[in-house]
Amino acid sequence: QVRLVESGGGLLQPGGSLRLSCAASGFTFNMYAMSWYRQAPGKERELVATINYNGESANYANSVAGRCTISRDNTKNTVYLQINSLKPEDTAVYYCQVIILLQTYWGQGTQVTVSS
């Protein structure tokens, strides 16, 4: 079955960087776009970034544009999210997502806390 496992979160300082990984299995990874979402306490889950199936196209939320890079390694079935110049408002649980045949799949999420 489809499985998405995020890793790389933790406690980070403002101005620092994070790199999250999402290991995918149970489907043909190189056929599907992948997305990262995040959900801050008391807020709705929001889309952070999406990358197309071959990594040649990506889109970003305004809140992270210019300091965020989504990438993928189709040989490792893994998608990455890097955010630089971290801000306290980047604090959230970060989720990996894929949509396959109109079915949405989520990972369990990884907590990122940005605080001094």
Protein backbone atom coordinates (compact mmCIF):
# COMPACT_ATOMS: atom_id res chain seq x y z
CA GLN A 1 0.00 0.00 0.00
CA VAL A 2 0.99 3.65 -0.35
CA ARG A 3 3.32 4.76 2.41
CA LEU A 4 4.88 8.18 3.01
CA VAL A 5 7.37 8.65 5.83
CA GLU A 6 8.65 12.11 6.68
CA SER A 7 11.83 12.83 8.60
CA GLY A 8 14.15 15.70 9.43
CA GLY A 9 12.11 17.91 11.72
CA GLY A 10 13.13 19.25 15.09
CA LEU A 11 13.89 22.42 17.03
CA LEU A 12 15.60 25.03 14.89
CA GLN A 13 16.70 28.61 15.43
CA PRO A 14 15.35 31.61 13.53
CA GLY A 15 17.48 32.32 10.51
CA GLY A 16 18.53 28.70 10.22
CA SER A 17 17.66 26.10 7.61
CA LEU A 18 15.75 22.85 7.52
CA ARG A 19 15.76 19.93 5.13
CA LEU A 20 12.93 17.47 5.33
CA SER A 21 12.75 14.13 3.56
CA CYS A 22 9.77 12.02 2.57
CA ALA A 23 10.40 8.41 1.65
CA ALA A 24 7.66 6.96 -0.54
CA SER A 25 6.71 3.37 -1.26
CA GLY A 26 3.81 1.34 -2.58
CA PHE A 27 3.37 3.19 -5.86
CA THR A 28 5.32 4.15 -8.97
CA PHE A 29 6.98 7.23 -7.53
CA ASN A 30 8.28 8.72 -10.78
CA MET A 31 4.78 8.97 -12.23
CA TYR A 32 3.28 11.38 -9.68
CA ALA A 33 3.61 14.93 -8.51
CA MET A 34 4.46 15.27 -4.83
CA SER A 35 3.57 18.01 -2.37
CA TRP A 36 4.53 19.29 1.04
CA TYR A 37 1.91 20.77 3.33
CA ARG A 38 2.16 22.18 6.82
CA GLN A 39 -0.24 22.79 9.68
CA ALA A 40 0.49 25.27 12.42
CA PRO A 41 -1.29 25.09 15.80
CA GLY A 42 -4.85 26.34 15.47
CA LYS A 43 -4.59 26.83 11.72
CA GLU A 44 -5.69 24.95 8.64
CA ARG A 45 -3.30 22.77 6.73
CA GLU A 46 -1.68 24.76 3.94
CA LEU A 47 0.16 23.84 0.77
CA VAL A 48 3.86 24.71 0.92
CA ALA A 49 5.25 23.38 -2.35
CA THR A 50 4.56 20.95 -5.18
CA ILE A 51 6.96 19.30 -7.61
CA ASN A 52 6.00 17.56 -10.82
CA TYR A 53 6.70 13.91 -11.60
CA ASN A 54 10.19 14.41 -13.06
CA GLY A 55 11.33 17.32 -10.92
CA GLU A 56 11.42 19.85 -13.72
CA SER A 57 8.66 22.08 -12.40
CA ALA A 58 7.78 23.32 -8.92
CA ASN A 59 5.39 25.75 -7.29
CA TYR A 60 5.60 27.47 -3.93
CA ALA A 61 3.33 29.20 -1.47
CA ASN A 62 3.87 32.94 -1.18
CA SER A 63 4.84 32.47 2.47
CA VAL A 64 7.97 30.49 1.52
CA ALA A 65 8.71 31.69 -2.03
CA GLY A 66 12.33 32.72 -2.44
CA ARG A 67 13.61 30.77 0.55
CA CYS A 68 12.23 27.30 -0.17
CA THR A 69 13.26 24.52 -2.55
CA ILE A 70 11.38 21.30 -3.21
CA SER A 71 13.30 18.55 -4.97
CA ARG A 72 13.07 14.84 -5.62
CA ASP A 73 15.28 11.87 -6.30
CA ASN A 74 13.35 9.35 -8.35
CA THR A 75 16.11 6.77 -7.90
CA LYS A 76 15.51 6.88 -4.15
CA ASN A 77 11.71 7.42 -4.19
CA THR A 78 12.25 10.45 -1.99
CA VAL A 79 11.08 14.05 -2.06
CA TYR A 80 12.81 16.82 -0.12
CA LEU A 81 11.90 20.22 1.23
CA GLN A 82 14.49 22.81 2.16
CA ILE A 83 13.55 26.10 3.79
CA ASN A 84 16.16 28.75 4.52
CA SER A 85 15.97 31.90 6.66
CA LEU A 86 13.56 30.19 9.04
CA LYS A 87 10.99 32.26 10.89
CA PRO A 88 8.96 31.43 13.99
CA GLU A 89 5.89 31.32 11.75
CA ASP A 90 7.41 28.34 9.94
CA THR A 91 6.63 26.33 13.09
CA ALA A 92 4.24 23.56 12.07
CA VAL A 93 3.81 19.89 11.44
CA TYR A 94 5.02 19.22 7.89
CA TYR A 95 3.30 16.57 5.79
CA CYS A 96 4.15 14.85 2.54
CA GLN A 97 1.25 14.23 0.16
CA VAL A 98 0.50 12.40 -3.07
CA ILE A 99 -2.72 12.07 -5.04
CA ILE A 100 -3.17 8.82 -6.93
CA LEU A 101 -6.32 8.21 -8.98
CA LEU A 102 -8.17 10.92 -7.03
CA GLN A 103 -7.19 9.35 -3.69
CA THR A 104 -5.12 11.54 -1.37
CA TYR A 105 -2.41 9.99 0.76
CA TRP A 106 -0.58 11.64 3.67
CA GLY A 107 2.43 10.84 5.73
CA GLN A 108 2.32 10.96 9.53
CA GLY A 109 4.03 14.37 9.58
CA THR A 110 7.17 15.71 11.19
CA GLN A 111 7.22 18.55 13.72
CA VAL A 112 9.29 21.63 12.98
CA THR A 113 9.66 24.22 15.73
CA VAL A 114 11.48 27.48 15.05
CA SER A 115 12.38 29.22 18.28
CA SER A 116 15.32 30.86 19.97
